[in-house]
Amino acid sequence: MKEIRKVLPSEHFIYYSDNAHCPYGEKSPEYIQDRARAITRLLMDRGADVIVVACNTATGAAIATLRAEFDIPFIGMEPAVKPAALGTRSGVIGVLATVGTLKASKYLNTKELYQDNVRIEEHVGEGFVQLVERGELDGPEVERIVRASLQPLLDAGADTIVLGCTHYPFLRPVIERIAGPDVRVIDPAPAVARQVVHILTERGLINSHSGLDPESPSLELLSSGDPTTLHALAATLN
């Protein structure tokens, strides 16, 4: 959302946080598909022109189903293995992601394209999603939890770390501090933002909400659970 708003500052956004059913990482594909359908219907009822599935796990489990069942463009997430593989100096890249993302065919297919040329080390960001959902983004305990999952990748020689979950960029300052200045951390969000611009431009939908009441908020926040943390995190988007 932060990267998309940078390139589309005049658009109206509806952000739905499914925090009552979070984390998705270890839930079944069927469960995630049902949640994705329900959220899609809600967003379409509120006038969405394009939907970003801002979750790597949900993209892997549900985006094909959503595209087959709904007549609206969907943009998904994918761990940025390609730029990591092309930019590594050590020949080792690390992927931090959820269990669901690491098992998804979308990720596995991408990994297969590059693993002959680079070594891809993987680790689940244990506890990362829960930290972000609680709004705990720094401090000794946060650093301890982040280090436990990041250090094995660094010990394996990774000089590039791919953030394979959309919660993880909230912890990026801690990740970069632990990793040090010689390790590159890649967030796929800017590429997703560019794709949103491309789809809206292609369909003639840029600034399609310009007729809205100027008093209408440019960012509407919705939540399936307690919205307190969502609003606190949203303050970091500006």
Protein backbone atom coordinates (compact mmCIF):
# COMPACT_ATOMS: atom_id res chain seq x y z
CA MET A 1 0.00 0.00 0.00
CA LYS A 2 2.81 2.41 0.84
CA GLU A 3 4.52 1.88 -2.53
CA ILE A 4 1.25 2.04 -4.48
CA ARG A 5 0.23 5.32 -2.85
CA LYS A 6 3.60 6.81 -3.81
CA VAL A 7 2.87 6.32 -7.51
CA LEU A 8 -0.92 6.81 -7.37
CA PRO A 9 -1.44 9.59 -4.81
CA SER A 10 -4.81 10.69 -6.23
CA GLU A 11 -6.58 7.34 -6.14
CA HIS A 12 -9.00 6.07 -3.52
CA PHE A 13 -7.89 2.90 -1.72
CA ILE A 14 -9.78 0.34 0.34
CA TYR A 15 -7.50 -1.74 2.54
CA TYR A 16 -8.94 -4.87 4.13
CA SER A 17 -7.01 -6.48 6.96
CA ASP A 18 -8.11 -10.04 7.66
CA ASN A 19 -6.50 -9.98 11.08
CA ALA A 20 -9.22 -12.10 12.70
CA HIS A 21 -8.03 -15.00 10.54
CA CYS A 22 -4.31 -14.20 10.52
CA PRO A 23 -1.74 -15.65 10.02
CA TYR A 24 -2.50 -17.52 6.79
CA GLY A 25 0.91 -19.20 6.59
CA GLU A 26 -0.09 -22.61 7.95
CA LYS A 27 -3.78 -22.64 6.97
CA SER A 28 -5.13 -24.91 4.23
CA PRO A 29 -5.49 -23.64 0.64
CA GLU A 30 -9.25 -24.25 0.87
CA TYR A 31 -9.55 -22.06 3.95
CA ILE A 32 -7.55 -19.27 2.31
CA GLN A 33 -9.60 -19.51 -0.89
CA ASP A 34 -12.84 -19.12 1.09
CA ARG A 35 -11.48 -16.05 2.87
CA ALA A 36 -10.21 -14.60 -0.42
CA ARG A 37 -13.63 -15.05 -2.04
CA ALA A 38 -15.40 -13.31 0.83
CA ILE A 39 -12.96 -10.39 0.84
CA THR A 40 -13.16 -10.06 -2.95
CA ARG A 41 -16.96 -9.80 -2.82
CA LEU A 42 -16.72 -7.13 -0.14
CA LEU A 43 -14.17 -5.07 -2.10
CA MET A 44 -16.14 -5.37 -5.35
CA ASP A 45 -19.32 -4.29 -3.56
CA ARG A 46 -17.45 -1.17 -2.47
CA GLY A 47 -16.47 -0.34 -6.04
CA ALA A 48 -12.95 -1.71 -6.43
CA ASP A 49 -11.55 -1.52 -9.98
CA VAL A 50 -8.54 -3.75 -9.30
CA ILE A 51 -7.62 -5.96 -6.35
CA VAL A 52 -4.10 -6.49 -5.04
CA VAL A 53 -3.77 -9.77 -3.17
CA ALA A 54 -1.21 -8.31 -0.79
CA CYS A 55 -0.16 -11.62 0.70
CA ASN A 56 2.28 -14.13 -0.74
CA THR A 57 0.51 -17.09 0.87
CA ALA A 58 -2.92 -15.99 -0.39
CA THR A 59 -1.50 -15.39 -3.85
CA GLY A 60 -0.09 -18.90 -3.99
CA ALA A 61 -3.24 -20.53 -2.63
CA ALA A 62 -6.04 -18.47 -4.14
CA ILE A 63 -5.20 -16.12 -6.99
CA ALA A 64 -5.85 -18.66 -9.76
CA THR A 65 -9.24 -19.42 -8.20
CA LEU A 66 -10.08 -15.74 -7.88
CA ARG A 67 -9.16 -15.02 -11.50
CA ALA A 68 -11.36 -17.90 -12.65
CA GLU A 69 -14.37 -16.86 -10.57
CA PHE A 70 -14.40 -13.04 -10.62
CA ASP A 71 -14.42 -10.52 -13.47
CA ILE A 72 -11.89 -8.05 -12.06
CA PRO A 73 -8.10 -7.78 -12.43
CA PHE A 74 -6.09 -9.34 -9.61
CA ILE A 75 -2.45 -8.52 -8.92
CA GLY A 76 -0.58 -10.96 -6.72
CA MET A 77 2.65 -11.14 -4.79
CA GLU A 78 5.71 -13.22 -5.59
CA PRO A 79 8.99 -13.45 -3.67
CA ALA A 80 11.58 -11.46 -5.61
CA VAL A 81 13.85 -14.41 -6.40
CA LYS A 82 14.72 -13.15 -9.88
CA PRO A 83 16.28 -9.78 -8.90
CA ALA A 84 17.99 -11.47 -5.96
CA ALA A 85 19.48 -14.17 -8.20
CA LEU A 86 20.64 -11.61 -10.75
CA GLY A 87 22.19 -9.32 -8.14
CA THR A 88 23.90 -11.70 -5.70
CA ARG A 89 27.69 -11.53 -5.42
CA SER A 90 28.17 -14.55 -3.18
CA GLY A 91 25.92 -16.82 -5.23
CA VAL A 92 23.70 -17.41 -2.21
CA ILE A 93 20.33 -15.76 -1.65
CA GLY A 94 18.11 -16.13 1.39
CA VAL A 95 14.32 -16.23 1.30
CA LEU A 96 12.31 -15.37 4.40
CA ALA A 97 8.69 -16.45 3.97
CA THR A 98 5.79 -18.34 5.49
CA VAL A 99 5.30 -22.10 5.26
CA GLY A 100 2.44 -21.56 2.81
CA THR A 101 4.51 -19.42 0.45
CA LEU A 102 7.47 -21.81 0.43
CA LYS A 103 5.15 -24.69 -0.51
CA ALA A 104 3.17 -22.79 -3.16
CA SER A 105 3.64 -23.79 -6.80
CA LYS A 106 4.07 -20.14 -7.80
CA TYR A 107 7.16 -19.84 -5.63
CA LEU A 108 8.47 -23.32 -6.44
CA ASN A 109 8.23 -22.65 -10.18
CA THR A 110 10.17 -19.41 -9.82
CA LYS A 111 12.77 -21.07 -7.64
CA GLU A 112 13.27 -23.82 -10.22
CA LEU A 113 14.19 -21.25 -12.86
CA TYR A 114 17.15 -19.89 -10.87
CA GLN A 115 18.37 -22.58 -8.50
CA ASP A 116 20.81 -24.02 -11.03
CA ASN A 117 22.78 -20.76 -11.02
CA VAL A 118 22.49 -19.69 -7.37
CA ARG A 119 21.97 -21.41 -4.05
CA ILE A 120 18.64 -20.53 -2.52
CA GLU A 121 18.43 -20.85 1.24
CA GLU A 122 15.01 -20.64 2.87
CA HIS A 123 13.72 -20.00 6.36
CA VAL A 124 10.29 -19.35 7.82
CA GLY A 125 10.08 -16.03 9.63
CA GLU A 126 8.94 -17.65 12.88
CA GLY A 127 6.79 -15.21 14.84
CA PHE A 128 7.27 -12.31 12.40
CA VAL A 129 3.60 -12.00 11.45
CA GLN A 130 2.49 -12.11 15.06
CA LEU A 131 4.94 -9.33 15.97
CA VAL A 132 3.64 -7.07 13.23
CA GLU A 133 0.00 -7.81 14.02
CA ARG A 134 0.68 -6.76 17.62
CA GLY A 135 2.45 -3.62 16.44
CA GLU A 136 5.78 -4.71 17.95
CA LEU A 137 8.32 -3.52 15.39
CA ASP A 138 11.53 -3.06 17.39
CA GLY A 139 13.18 -3.74 20.71
CA PRO A 140 15.27 -6.53 22.25
CA GLU A 141 12.58 -9.22 22.00
CA VAL A 142 11.80 -8.32 18.38
CA GLU A 143 15.51 -8.46 17.55
CA ARG A 144 15.84 -11.86 19.24
CA ILE A 145 12.93 -13.31 17.24
CA VAL A 146 14.12 -11.83 13.93
CA ARG A 147 17.70 -12.96 14.48
CA ALA A 148 16.63 -16.56 15.14
CA SER A 149 15.23 -16.86 11.60
CA LEU A 150 17.62 -14.54 9.79
CA GLN A 151 20.94 -15.78 11.19
CA PRO A 152 20.81 -19.22 9.51
CA LEU A 153 20.55 -17.48 6.12
CA LEU A 154 23.48 -15.20 6.90
CA ASP A 155 25.52 -18.14 8.20
CA ALA A 156 24.86 -19.90 4.88
CA GLY A 157 26.54 -17.00 3.07
CA ALA A 158 23.46 -15.16 1.76
CA ASP A 159 24.31 -11.63 0.67
CA THR A 160 20.75 -10.93 -0.48
CA ILE A 161 17.60 -11.46 1.59
CA VAL A 162 14.21 -11.69 -0.08
CA LEU A 163 11.21 -10.67 2.03
CA GLY A 164 8.60 -13.23 1.00
CA CYS A 165 5.74 -12.00 3.17
CA THR A 166 4.04 -8.62 3.12
CA HIS A 167 4.24 -8.38 6.91
CA TYR A 168 8.02 -8.60 6.90
CA PRO A 169 8.85 -5.12 5.49
CA PHE A 170 7.54 -3.65 8.75
CA LEU A 171 10.51 -5.40 10.36
CA ARG A 172 12.95 -4.31 7.66
CA PRO A 173 14.89 -1.86 9.86
CA VAL A 174 15.59 -4.67 12.35
CA ILE A 175 16.43 -7.12 9.56
CA GLU A 176 18.87 -4.66 7.96
CA ARG A 177 20.47 -3.85 11.30
CA ILE A 178 21.12 -7.53 12.02
CA ALA A 179 22.21 -8.35 8.46
CA GLY A 180 24.64 -5.45 8.21
CA PRO A 181 25.44 -3.03 5.38
CA ASP A 182 26.83 -5.64 2.99
CA VAL A 183 23.56 -7.56 2.74
CA ARG A 184 20.85 -6.37 0.36
CA VAL A 185 17.22 -6.73 1.47
CA ILE A 186 14.62 -6.94 -1.32
CA ASP A 187 10.95 -6.08 -0.96
CA PRO A 188 8.78 -6.86 -4.04
CA ALA A 189 6.31 -4.06 -3.26
CA PRO A 190 7.69 -1.46 -5.75
CA ALA A 191 7.29 -3.95 -8.60
CA VAL A 192 3.71 -4.62 -7.52
CA ALA A 193 3.02 -0.86 -7.49
CA ARG A 194 4.31 -0.56 -11.05
CA GLN A 195 2.01 -3.40 -12.13
CA VAL A 196 -1.00 -1.65 -10.54
CA VAL A 197 -0.19 1.50 -12.54
CA HIS A 198 0.15 -0.59 -15.70
CA ILE A 199 -3.20 -2.34 -15.24
CA LEU A 200 -5.08 0.86 -14.40
CA THR A 201 -3.50 2.71 -17.32
CA GLU A 202 -4.22 -0.14 -19.72
CA ARG A 203 -7.90 -0.11 -18.72
CA GLY A 204 -8.25 3.67 -18.65
CA LEU A 205 -8.94 3.70 -14.93
CA ILE A 206 -6.29 6.12 -13.67
CA ASN A 207 -7.97 8.82 -11.56
CA SER A 208 -11.29 7.12 -12.14
CA HIS A 209 -12.38 8.26 -8.67
CA SER A 210 -11.66 11.95 -9.29
CA GLY A 211 -15.36 12.73 -9.02
CA LEU A 212 -15.53 11.64 -5.40
CA ASP A 213 -16.39 14.07 -2.66
CA PRO A 214 -13.08 15.83 -1.86
CA GLU A 215 -13.81 15.23 1.80
CA SER A 216 -13.82 11.48 1.19
CA PRO A 217 -10.75 9.77 2.68
CA SER A 218 -8.19 8.52 0.17
CA LEU A 219 -7.56 5.44 2.32
CA GLU A 220 -10.41 3.43 3.80
CA LEU A 221 -9.32 0.90 6.42
CA LEU A 222 -11.42 -2.19 7.08
CA SER A 223 -10.70 -5.07 9.42
CA SER A 224 -12.21 -8.45 10.25
CA GLY A 225 -10.97 -8.12 13.84
CA ASP A 226 -9.71 -5.48 16.25
CA PRO A 227 -8.79 -2.46 14.07
CA THR A 228 -6.48 -0.87 16.66
CA THR A 229 -3.23 -2.30 15.33
CA LEU A 230 -4.31 -1.75 11.72
CA HIS A 231 -4.77 1.97 12.33
CA ALA A 232 -1.44 2.18 14.15
CA LEU A 233 0.38 0.45 11.30
CA ALA A 234 -1.42 2.57 8.71
CA ALA A 235 0.13 5.65 10.31
CA THR A 236 3.49 4.42 9.00
CA LEU A 237 2.25 4.59 5.39
CA ASN A 238 2.64 8.36 5.15
